[in-house]
N, C-alpha and C. Protein backbone atom coordinates (compact mmCIF):
# COMPACT_ATOMS: atom_id res chain seq x y z
N MET A 1 21.31 16.30 -24.02
CA MET A 1 21.02 16.10 -22.62
C MET A 1 21.93 15.01 -22.08
N CYS A 2 22.60 15.31 -21.03
CA CYS A 2 23.56 14.37 -20.43
C CYS A 2 22.82 13.41 -19.52
N MET A 3 23.01 12.14 -19.64
CA MET A 3 22.33 11.15 -18.83
C MET A 3 23.28 10.42 -17.89
N CYS A 4 24.40 11.02 -17.60
CA CYS A 4 25.32 10.35 -16.69
C CYS A 4 24.82 10.51 -15.25
N LEU A 5 25.25 9.65 -14.36
CA LEU A 5 24.79 9.61 -12.99
C LEU A 5 25.07 10.91 -12.22
N PRO A 6 26.26 11.51 -12.29
CA PRO A 6 26.48 12.76 -11.56
C PRO A 6 25.55 13.88 -12.00
N CYS A 7 25.28 13.96 -13.31
CA CYS A 7 24.37 15.00 -13.78
C CYS A 7 22.96 14.77 -13.28
N ALA A 8 22.52 13.51 -13.26
CA ALA A 8 21.18 13.19 -12.78
C ALA A 8 21.05 13.52 -11.29
N LEU A 9 22.08 13.18 -10.49
CA LEU A 9 22.05 13.50 -9.05
C LEU A 9 22.04 15.01 -8.83
N TYR A 10 22.84 15.71 -9.63
CA TYR A 10 22.88 17.16 -9.51
C TYR A 10 21.50 17.76 -9.82
N SER A 11 20.82 17.23 -10.81
CA SER A 11 19.49 17.72 -11.18
C SER A 11 18.49 17.47 -10.04
N VAL A 12 18.56 16.30 -9.43
CA VAL A 12 17.66 15.98 -8.32
C VAL A 12 17.93 16.92 -7.15
N ILE A 13 19.18 17.16 -6.83
CA ILE A 13 19.53 18.06 -5.72
C ILE A 13 19.05 19.48 -6.01
N GLN A 14 19.26 19.95 -7.24
CA GLN A 14 18.81 21.30 -7.59
C GLN A 14 17.29 21.42 -7.51
N TYR A 15 16.58 20.38 -7.95
CA TYR A 15 15.12 20.41 -7.86
C TYR A 15 14.67 20.43 -6.40
N SER A 16 15.34 19.64 -5.56
CA SER A 16 15.02 19.62 -4.14
C SER A 16 15.26 20.98 -3.50
N ASN A 17 16.40 21.61 -3.83
CA ASN A 17 16.69 22.95 -3.30
C ASN A 17 15.66 23.97 -3.79
N TRP A 18 15.26 23.83 -5.05
CA TRP A 18 14.27 24.76 -5.59
C TRP A 18 12.94 24.62 -4.86
N ARG A 19 12.51 23.38 -4.58
CA ARG A 19 11.25 23.15 -3.85
C ARG A 19 11.37 23.68 -2.42
N THR A 20 12.52 23.50 -1.78
CA THR A 20 12.73 24.00 -0.42
C THR A 20 12.65 25.52 -0.41
N ASN A 21 13.26 26.16 -1.40
CA ASN A 21 13.19 27.62 -1.48
C ASN A 21 11.77 28.10 -1.68
N ILE A 22 11.00 27.39 -2.50
CA ILE A 22 9.60 27.78 -2.70
C ILE A 22 8.82 27.62 -1.41
N ASN A 23 9.03 26.52 -0.69
CA ASN A 23 8.33 26.32 0.59
C ASN A 23 8.73 27.38 1.60
N THR A 24 10.02 27.71 1.64
CA THR A 24 10.48 28.75 2.56
C THR A 24 9.88 30.10 2.18
N ARG A 25 9.85 30.40 0.90
CA ARG A 25 9.27 31.66 0.42
C ARG A 25 7.78 31.71 0.75
N ASN A 26 7.06 30.61 0.53
CA ASN A 26 5.63 30.57 0.86
C ASN A 26 5.41 30.72 2.35
N HIS A 27 6.26 30.08 3.14
CA HIS A 27 6.14 30.20 4.59
C HIS A 27 6.36 31.64 5.03
N PHE A 28 7.36 32.30 4.44
CA PHE A 28 7.63 33.70 4.77
C PHE A 28 6.45 34.57 4.39
N LEU A 29 5.90 34.35 3.18
CA LEU A 29 4.75 35.16 2.75
C LEU A 29 3.53 34.91 3.61
N ASN A 30 3.31 33.66 4.05
CA ASN A 30 2.20 33.38 4.96
C ASN A 30 2.38 34.11 6.27
N CYS A 31 3.61 34.14 6.79
CA CYS A 31 3.87 34.85 8.04
C CYS A 31 3.63 36.35 7.88
N VAL A 32 4.11 36.90 6.79
CA VAL A 32 3.95 38.35 6.57
C VAL A 32 2.48 38.70 6.41
N THR A 33 1.76 37.94 5.60
CA THR A 33 0.33 38.25 5.44
C THR A 33 -0.43 38.02 6.73
N GLY A 34 -0.02 37.03 7.53
CA GLY A 34 -0.66 36.81 8.82
C GLY A 34 -0.43 37.97 9.76
N VAL A 35 0.79 38.50 9.76
CA VAL A 35 1.10 39.65 10.61
C VAL A 35 0.28 40.85 10.18
N PHE A 36 0.23 41.11 8.86
CA PHE A 36 -0.55 42.26 8.38
C PHE A 36 -2.04 42.06 8.59
N LYS A 37 -2.47 40.82 8.77
CA LYS A 37 -3.89 40.56 8.99
C LYS A 37 -4.24 40.69 10.47
N TYR A 38 -3.44 40.09 11.36
CA TYR A 38 -3.83 39.99 12.76
C TYR A 38 -3.36 41.14 13.64
N VAL A 39 -2.26 41.80 13.31
CA VAL A 39 -1.77 42.89 14.16
C VAL A 39 -2.73 44.08 14.17
N PRO A 40 -3.23 44.56 13.03
CA PRO A 40 -4.19 45.67 13.10
C PRO A 40 -5.50 45.29 13.80
N ILE A 41 -5.95 44.05 13.57
CA ILE A 41 -7.17 43.60 14.24
C ILE A 41 -6.94 43.56 15.75
N GLY A 42 -5.80 43.04 16.17
CA GLY A 42 -5.48 43.00 17.60
C GLY A 42 -5.33 44.39 18.19
N ALA A 43 -4.75 45.33 17.43
CA ALA A 43 -4.57 46.69 17.93
C ALA A 43 -5.92 47.36 18.15
N CYS A 44 -6.82 47.23 17.20
CA CYS A 44 -8.15 47.85 17.36
C CYS A 44 -8.95 47.19 18.47
N THR A 45 -8.87 45.86 18.55
CA THR A 45 -9.60 45.15 19.60
C THR A 45 -9.06 45.53 20.98
N GLY A 46 -7.75 45.61 21.11
CA GLY A 46 -7.17 45.99 22.40
C GLY A 46 -7.45 47.43 22.77
N ALA A 47 -7.42 48.32 21.76
CA ALA A 47 -7.66 49.74 22.03
C ALA A 47 -9.09 49.99 22.49
N LEU A 48 -10.02 49.17 22.08
CA LEU A 48 -11.40 49.30 22.55
C LEU A 48 -11.70 48.37 23.72
N GLY A 49 -11.11 47.20 23.70
CA GLY A 49 -11.44 46.19 24.71
C GLY A 49 -10.93 46.50 26.10
N LEU A 50 -9.67 46.92 26.22
CA LEU A 50 -9.12 47.19 27.55
C LEU A 50 -9.82 48.34 28.25
N PRO A 51 -10.08 49.48 27.59
CA PRO A 51 -10.82 50.54 28.28
C PRO A 51 -12.23 50.12 28.68
N LEU A 52 -12.90 49.35 27.82
CA LEU A 52 -14.23 48.87 28.20
C LEU A 52 -14.16 47.92 29.38
N LEU A 53 -13.14 47.09 29.41
CA LEU A 53 -12.95 46.17 30.54
C LEU A 53 -12.71 46.93 31.84
N VAL A 54 -11.85 47.96 31.76
CA VAL A 54 -11.53 48.75 32.96
C VAL A 54 -12.79 49.44 33.48
N GLY A 55 -13.63 49.93 32.58
CA GLY A 55 -14.82 50.63 33.02
C GLY A 55 -15.98 49.73 33.38
N THR A 56 -16.01 48.51 32.84
CA THR A 56 -17.16 47.63 33.02
C THR A 56 -17.06 46.74 34.25
N VAL A 57 -15.87 46.30 34.61
CA VAL A 57 -15.72 45.38 35.74
C VAL A 57 -16.31 45.95 37.03
N PRO A 58 -16.02 47.20 37.40
CA PRO A 58 -16.65 47.73 38.61
C PRO A 58 -18.17 47.79 38.51
N LEU A 59 -18.69 48.09 37.32
CA LEU A 59 -20.14 48.13 37.17
C LEU A 59 -20.77 46.75 37.27
N LEU A 60 -20.06 45.73 36.81
CA LEU A 60 -20.58 44.37 36.94
C LEU A 60 -20.61 43.92 38.40
N LEU A 61 -19.67 44.42 39.18
CA LEU A 61 -19.67 44.11 40.62
C LEU A 61 -20.62 45.03 41.39
N LEU A 62 -21.27 45.95 40.68
CA LEU A 62 -22.24 46.91 41.20
C LEU A 62 -21.62 47.98 42.09
N PHE A 63 -20.41 48.40 41.73
CA PHE A 63 -19.86 49.65 42.24
C PHE A 63 -20.37 50.72 41.27
N THR A 64 -21.41 51.44 41.64
CA THR A 64 -22.07 52.34 40.70
C THR A 64 -21.71 53.79 40.98
N VAL A 65 -22.23 54.68 40.15
CA VAL A 65 -21.99 56.12 40.31
C VAL A 65 -22.60 56.61 41.62
N GLU A 66 -23.74 56.04 42.03
CA GLU A 66 -24.40 56.42 43.28
C GLU A 66 -23.76 55.80 44.51
N GLY A 67 -22.93 54.80 44.33
CA GLY A 67 -22.30 54.11 45.44
C GLY A 67 -22.45 52.61 45.28
N VAL A 68 -22.31 51.91 46.39
CA VAL A 68 -22.39 50.45 46.36
C VAL A 68 -23.86 50.03 46.42
N ALA A 69 -24.26 49.14 45.52
CA ALA A 69 -25.64 48.65 45.49
C ALA A 69 -25.86 47.63 46.61
N THR A 70 -27.02 47.69 47.22
CA THR A 70 -27.36 46.79 48.32
C THR A 70 -27.48 45.36 47.81
N GLY A 71 -26.91 44.43 48.57
CA GLY A 71 -27.00 43.02 48.23
C GLY A 71 -26.13 42.59 47.06
N SER A 72 -25.18 43.38 46.67
CA SER A 72 -24.33 43.07 45.52
C SER A 72 -23.01 42.45 45.97
N ILE A 73 -22.23 42.06 45.00
CA ILE A 73 -20.90 41.53 45.29
C ILE A 73 -20.05 42.63 45.92
N ALA A 74 -20.26 43.86 45.49
CA ALA A 74 -19.52 44.99 46.07
C ALA A 74 -19.84 45.13 47.55
N ALA A 75 -21.12 44.99 47.91
CA ALA A 75 -21.49 45.07 49.32
C ALA A 75 -20.89 43.91 50.11
N LEU A 76 -20.85 42.73 49.51
CA LEU A 76 -20.24 41.57 50.17
C LEU A 76 -18.75 41.80 50.41
N LEU A 77 -18.09 42.37 49.42
CA LEU A 77 -16.66 42.66 49.58
C LEU A 77 -16.42 43.67 50.70
N MET A 78 -17.31 44.65 50.82
CA MET A 78 -17.16 45.65 51.88
C MET A 78 -17.45 45.06 53.26
N THR A 79 -18.42 44.16 53.35
CA THR A 79 -18.71 43.55 54.66
C THR A 79 -17.63 42.57 55.08
N CYS A 80 -16.92 41.99 54.12
CA CYS A 80 -15.81 41.08 54.47
C CYS A 80 -14.71 41.81 55.22
N HIS A 81 -14.59 43.10 54.98
CA HIS A 81 -13.57 43.91 55.67
C HIS A 81 -14.10 44.50 56.97
N ALA A 82 -15.34 44.17 57.35
CA ALA A 82 -15.97 44.66 58.58
C ALA A 82 -15.96 46.19 58.65
N GLY A 83 -16.20 46.83 57.52
CA GLY A 83 -16.28 48.28 57.50
C GLY A 83 -14.96 48.99 57.29
N TYR A 84 -13.84 48.30 57.46
CA TYR A 84 -12.53 48.93 57.27
C TYR A 84 -12.06 48.63 55.85
N ILE A 85 -12.01 49.66 55.04
CA ILE A 85 -11.57 49.51 53.65
C ILE A 85 -10.20 50.15 53.52
N PRO A 86 -9.15 49.36 53.26
CA PRO A 86 -7.81 49.93 53.15
C PRO A 86 -7.69 50.89 51.97
N ILE A 87 -6.94 51.95 52.17
CA ILE A 87 -6.71 52.93 51.11
C ILE A 87 -5.88 52.27 50.01
N GLY A 88 -6.32 52.41 48.77
CA GLY A 88 -5.60 51.84 47.64
C GLY A 88 -5.85 50.36 47.43
N GLY A 89 -6.73 49.77 48.23
CA GLY A 89 -7.05 48.35 48.08
C GLY A 89 -8.00 48.12 46.91
N PHE A 90 -8.36 46.86 46.71
CA PHE A 90 -9.21 46.48 45.59
C PHE A 90 -10.57 47.14 45.67
N VAL A 91 -11.20 47.09 46.86
CA VAL A 91 -12.54 47.65 47.01
C VAL A 91 -12.51 49.17 46.82
N ALA A 92 -11.52 49.83 47.38
CA ALA A 92 -11.42 51.29 47.23
C ALA A 92 -11.17 51.68 45.78
N THR A 93 -10.35 50.93 45.08
CA THR A 93 -10.07 51.21 43.68
C THR A 93 -11.32 50.99 42.83
N MET A 94 -12.02 49.89 43.06
CA MET A 94 -13.25 49.61 42.31
C MET A 94 -14.31 50.67 42.58
N GLN A 95 -14.40 51.15 43.83
CA GLN A 95 -15.37 52.19 44.15
C GLN A 95 -15.02 53.50 43.43
N SER A 96 -13.74 53.82 43.39
CA SER A 96 -13.32 55.04 42.69
C SER A 96 -13.62 54.96 41.20
N ILE A 97 -13.33 53.82 40.59
CA ILE A 97 -13.61 53.66 39.17
C ILE A 97 -15.11 53.64 38.92
N GLY A 98 -15.86 52.97 39.80
CA GLY A 98 -17.31 52.89 39.64
C GLY A 98 -18.00 54.23 39.72
N THR A 99 -17.51 55.14 40.57
CA THR A 99 -18.14 56.45 40.68
C THR A 99 -17.88 57.31 39.45
N MET A 100 -16.84 57.01 38.70
CA MET A 100 -16.54 57.80 37.50
C MET A 100 -17.27 57.29 36.27
N GLY A 101 -17.84 56.11 36.32
CA GLY A 101 -18.61 55.60 35.20
C GLY A 101 -17.77 54.76 34.25
N ILE A 102 -18.41 54.33 33.17
CA ILE A 102 -17.78 53.40 32.23
C ILE A 102 -16.70 54.07 31.39
N TYR A 103 -16.75 55.38 31.23
CA TYR A 103 -15.81 56.07 30.34
C TYR A 103 -14.46 56.35 31.00
N ILE A 104 -14.26 55.93 32.22
CA ILE A 104 -12.99 56.18 32.91
C ILE A 104 -11.82 55.51 32.20
N GLY A 105 -12.07 54.41 31.53
CA GLY A 105 -10.99 53.68 30.88
C GLY A 105 -10.49 54.30 29.60
N PHE A 106 -11.25 55.24 29.05
CA PHE A 106 -10.87 55.81 27.76
C PHE A 106 -9.94 57.01 27.93
N ASP A 107 -8.80 56.78 28.55
CA ASP A 107 -7.75 57.79 28.59
C ASP A 107 -6.61 57.31 27.70
N PHE A 108 -5.65 58.17 27.47
CA PHE A 108 -4.58 57.86 26.52
C PHE A 108 -3.80 56.63 26.95
N PHE A 109 -3.45 56.53 28.24
CA PHE A 109 -2.61 55.43 28.70
C PHE A 109 -3.30 54.08 28.53
N THR A 110 -4.58 54.00 28.89
CA THR A 110 -5.29 52.73 28.79
C THR A 110 -5.50 52.32 27.34
N VAL A 111 -5.85 53.27 26.49
CA VAL A 111 -6.04 52.96 25.07
C VAL A 111 -4.72 52.53 24.44
N ALA A 112 -3.64 53.24 24.75
CA ALA A 112 -2.33 52.89 24.18
C ALA A 112 -1.87 51.52 24.68
N THR A 113 -2.08 51.25 25.97
CA THR A 113 -1.69 49.94 26.52
C THR A 113 -2.50 48.82 25.87
N GLY A 114 -3.80 49.03 25.71
CA GLY A 114 -4.64 48.03 25.04
C GLY A 114 -4.23 47.82 23.60
N CYS A 115 -3.87 48.91 22.92
CA CYS A 115 -3.42 48.82 21.52
C CYS A 115 -2.13 48.01 21.42
N LEU A 116 -1.18 48.30 22.28
CA LEU A 116 0.10 47.57 22.24
C LEU A 116 -0.08 46.10 22.62
N ALA A 117 -0.91 45.85 23.62
CA ALA A 117 -1.16 44.45 24.01
C ALA A 117 -1.86 43.70 22.89
N GLY A 118 -2.82 44.35 22.24
CA GLY A 118 -3.51 43.71 21.11
C GLY A 118 -2.58 43.45 19.94
N MET A 119 -1.67 44.39 19.67
CA MET A 119 -0.70 44.18 18.60
C MET A 119 0.20 42.99 18.92
N GLY A 120 0.63 42.90 20.16
CA GLY A 120 1.47 41.77 20.56
C GLY A 120 0.76 40.44 20.44
N LEU A 121 -0.51 40.40 20.88
CA LEU A 121 -1.26 39.15 20.78
C LEU A 121 -1.58 38.79 19.33
N GLY A 122 -1.85 39.81 18.50
CA GLY A 122 -2.08 39.54 17.08
C GLY A 122 -0.84 39.00 16.39
N GLY A 123 0.32 39.60 16.71
CA GLY A 123 1.57 39.09 16.14
C GLY A 123 1.89 37.69 16.64
N TYR A 124 1.61 37.43 17.91
CA TYR A 124 1.83 36.09 18.46
C TYR A 124 0.97 35.07 17.74
N LYS A 125 -0.30 35.42 17.50
CA LYS A 125 -1.18 34.50 16.78
C LYS A 125 -0.67 34.26 15.36
N ALA A 126 -0.26 35.32 14.69
CA ALA A 126 0.19 35.17 13.30
C ALA A 126 1.46 34.35 13.20
N LEU A 127 2.41 34.58 14.10
CA LEU A 127 3.72 33.95 13.96
C LEU A 127 3.83 32.59 14.62
N TYR A 128 3.11 32.37 15.71
CA TYR A 128 3.30 31.13 16.45
C TYR A 128 2.10 30.19 16.38
N ILE A 129 0.91 30.69 16.62
CA ILE A 129 -0.25 29.81 16.67
C ILE A 129 -0.59 29.31 15.27
N ASP A 130 -0.72 30.22 14.28
CA ASP A 130 -1.04 29.79 12.93
C ASP A 130 0.07 28.91 12.35
N ASP A 131 1.31 29.27 12.60
CA ASP A 131 2.44 28.48 12.11
C ASP A 131 2.43 27.10 12.73
N PHE A 132 2.08 26.98 14.00
CA PHE A 132 2.04 25.69 14.68
C PHE A 132 0.91 24.83 14.11
N VAL A 133 -0.26 25.42 13.86
CA VAL A 133 -1.38 24.66 13.31
C VAL A 133 -1.05 24.16 11.91
N VAL A 134 -0.42 25.00 11.09
CA VAL A 134 -0.06 24.59 9.73
C VAL A 134 1.02 23.51 9.77
N SER A 135 2.00 23.65 10.70
CA SER A 135 3.07 22.66 10.76
C SER A 135 2.56 21.30 11.25
N LEU A 136 1.46 21.29 12.02
CA LEU A 136 0.89 20.02 12.43
C LEU A 136 0.15 19.33 11.29
N GLY A 137 -0.16 20.09 10.26
CA GLY A 137 -0.91 19.53 9.16
C GLY A 137 -2.39 19.51 9.42
N ALA A 138 -2.83 20.18 10.49
CA ALA A 138 -4.25 20.18 10.82
C ALA A 138 -5.04 20.99 9.81
N LEU A 139 -4.48 22.08 9.31
CA LEU A 139 -5.14 22.92 8.34
C LEU A 139 -4.19 23.21 7.18
N PRO A 140 -4.68 23.31 5.99
CA PRO A 140 -3.82 23.79 4.92
C PRO A 140 -3.45 25.24 5.16
N SER A 141 -2.33 25.67 4.62
CA SER A 141 -1.85 27.03 4.91
C SER A 141 -2.82 28.09 4.38
N SER A 142 -3.67 27.77 3.43
CA SER A 142 -4.60 28.78 2.92
C SER A 142 -5.73 29.06 3.91
N PHE A 143 -5.99 28.13 4.86
CA PHE A 143 -7.05 28.33 5.84
C PHE A 143 -6.58 28.99 7.10
N ALA A 144 -5.30 29.04 7.37
CA ALA A 144 -4.78 29.57 8.63
C ALA A 144 -4.72 31.07 8.60
């Protein structure tokens, strides 16, 4: 075993590079496992959540299948316009969705849009939010 100074420095540098490569490899594996964990969850949540949101918001404002409920937020919105409801406006759109019921949101476009949005948010969480929390040292990488 050589104990000269250049050999010792070379050994320290190689050990440092080896540790850096392990940290980089672990970071890459954490990112990959995070993506495989959060993207499918986000896709399923978005595919169900967005259509339910589209169908539920008009019902919460009481734009119902029978029409506008008396004394509701929907009735208040209609009285604010003094009886004139613009075509394609918010109130007209909510009334159209409300008359079709909660299942109006479950069409291909809304489900696909929710799925893609959920995938994007899941990937964002895996790559940026979890990575930021781990880099702050707030959580060990096994908890993120």
